[in-house]
Amino acid sequence: MGTVSMNSPQQSEPFDLVKNSVLYKEFLAERDEILRHKWIESEKSGRDIGFEKALLDWIIKYRSNWRTGRSKSMRIESTSSK
């Protein structure tokens, strides 16, 4: 049977659509913040706290304010680009 490689137009178009979606970009930005939080908290404790602990801690302590600030900055960017 013939297989389709990731370089073929049939496979790369859906991936490009996902890569360029606002939702995916928000996911990546949030993941970066969680990883940053994991690094900071791991440094403070002198050991790797793990992704799950960092994720839960970040959600409880910072996610709401981060999302509010991010949505404000996104509105400012979209207004200034017009």
Protein backbone atom coordinates (compact mmCIF):
# COMPACT_ATOMS: atom_id res chain seq x y z
CA MET A 1 0.00 0.00 0.00
CA GLY A 2 1.13 3.51 -0.68
CA THR A 3 1.76 5.76 2.29
CA VAL A 4 1.60 9.53 2.31
CA SER A 5 4.60 11.34 3.74
CA MET A 6 4.28 14.43 5.97
CA ASN A 7 5.80 16.43 3.13
CA SER A 8 2.90 15.71 0.80
CA PRO A 9 0.26 18.41 0.31
CA GLN A 10 -2.48 16.11 1.65
CA GLN A 11 -0.74 15.77 5.02
CA SER A 12 0.87 19.19 5.49
CA GLU A 13 -2.24 21.31 4.82
CA PRO A 14 -4.19 20.15 7.91
CA PHE A 15 -1.05 20.47 10.03
CA ASP A 16 -0.45 24.01 8.72
CA LEU A 17 -4.05 24.87 9.51
CA VAL A 18 -3.58 23.69 13.11
CA LYS A 19 -0.17 25.36 13.45
CA ASN A 20 -1.59 28.69 12.37
CA SER A 21 -4.74 28.55 14.45
CA VAL A 22 -5.24 31.01 17.29
CA LEU A 23 -6.17 28.18 19.64
CA TYR A 24 -2.91 26.33 18.97
CA LYS A 25 -0.88 29.52 19.44
CA GLU A 26 -2.62 30.13 22.78
CA PHE A 27 -1.87 26.55 23.82
CA LEU A 28 1.82 27.04 23.00
CA ALA A 29 1.98 30.34 24.89
CA GLU A 30 0.34 28.80 27.94
CA ARG A 31 2.63 25.77 27.80
CA ASP A 32 5.66 28.09 27.69
CA GLU A 33 4.43 29.86 30.84
CA ILE A 34 3.93 26.54 32.62
CA LEU A 35 7.41 25.38 31.65
CA ARG A 36 8.85 28.70 32.86
CA HIS A 37 6.97 28.26 36.15
CA LYS A 38 8.27 24.68 36.42
CA TRP A 39 11.83 25.88 35.99
CA ILE A 40 11.49 28.69 38.56
CA GLU A 41 9.82 26.48 41.17
CA SER A 42 12.29 23.65 40.56
CA GLU A 43 15.18 26.06 41.09
CA LYS A 44 13.60 27.30 44.33
CA SER A 45 13.13 23.78 45.68
CA GLY A 46 16.48 22.48 44.45
CA ARG A 47 14.85 19.61 42.55
CA ASP A 48 12.67 19.00 39.52
CA ILE A 49 9.07 19.43 40.67
CA GLY A 50 7.67 17.78 37.54
CA PHE A 51 5.31 19.06 34.90
CA GLU A 52 2.07 17.96 36.56
CA LYS A 53 2.82 19.75 39.84
CA ALA A 54 3.95 22.85 37.96
CA LEU A 55 0.83 22.75 35.80
CA LEU A 56 -1.57 22.50 38.75
CA ASP A 57 0.31 25.13 40.75
CA TRP A 58 0.38 27.55 37.81
CA ILE A 59 -3.31 27.05 37.05
CA ILE A 60 -4.30 27.74 40.66
CA LYS A 61 -1.98 30.71 41.20
CA TYR A 62 -1.47 32.43 37.86
CA ARG A 63 -3.66 31.27 34.96
CA SER A 64 -6.59 33.63 35.49
CA ASN A 65 -4.42 36.77 35.65
CA TRP A 66 -2.22 35.55 32.80
CA ARG A 67 -5.22 34.99 30.54
CA THR A 68 -6.71 38.37 31.43
CA GLY A 69 -3.43 40.14 30.67
CA ARG A 70 -2.93 38.16 27.48
CA SER A 71 -6.41 38.92 26.15
CA LYS A 72 -5.87 42.64 26.88
CA SER A 73 -2.55 42.64 25.05
CA MET A 74 -4.06 40.72 22.11
CA ARG A 75 -6.85 43.32 21.81
CA ILE A 76 -4.28 46.14 21.89
CA GLU A 77 -2.21 44.41 19.17
CA SER A 78 -5.23 43.83 16.95
CA THR A 79 -6.39 47.44 17.39
CA SER A 80 -2.95 48.90 16.64
CA SER A 81 -2.52 46.77 13.51
CA LYS A 82 -5.64 48.25 11.89
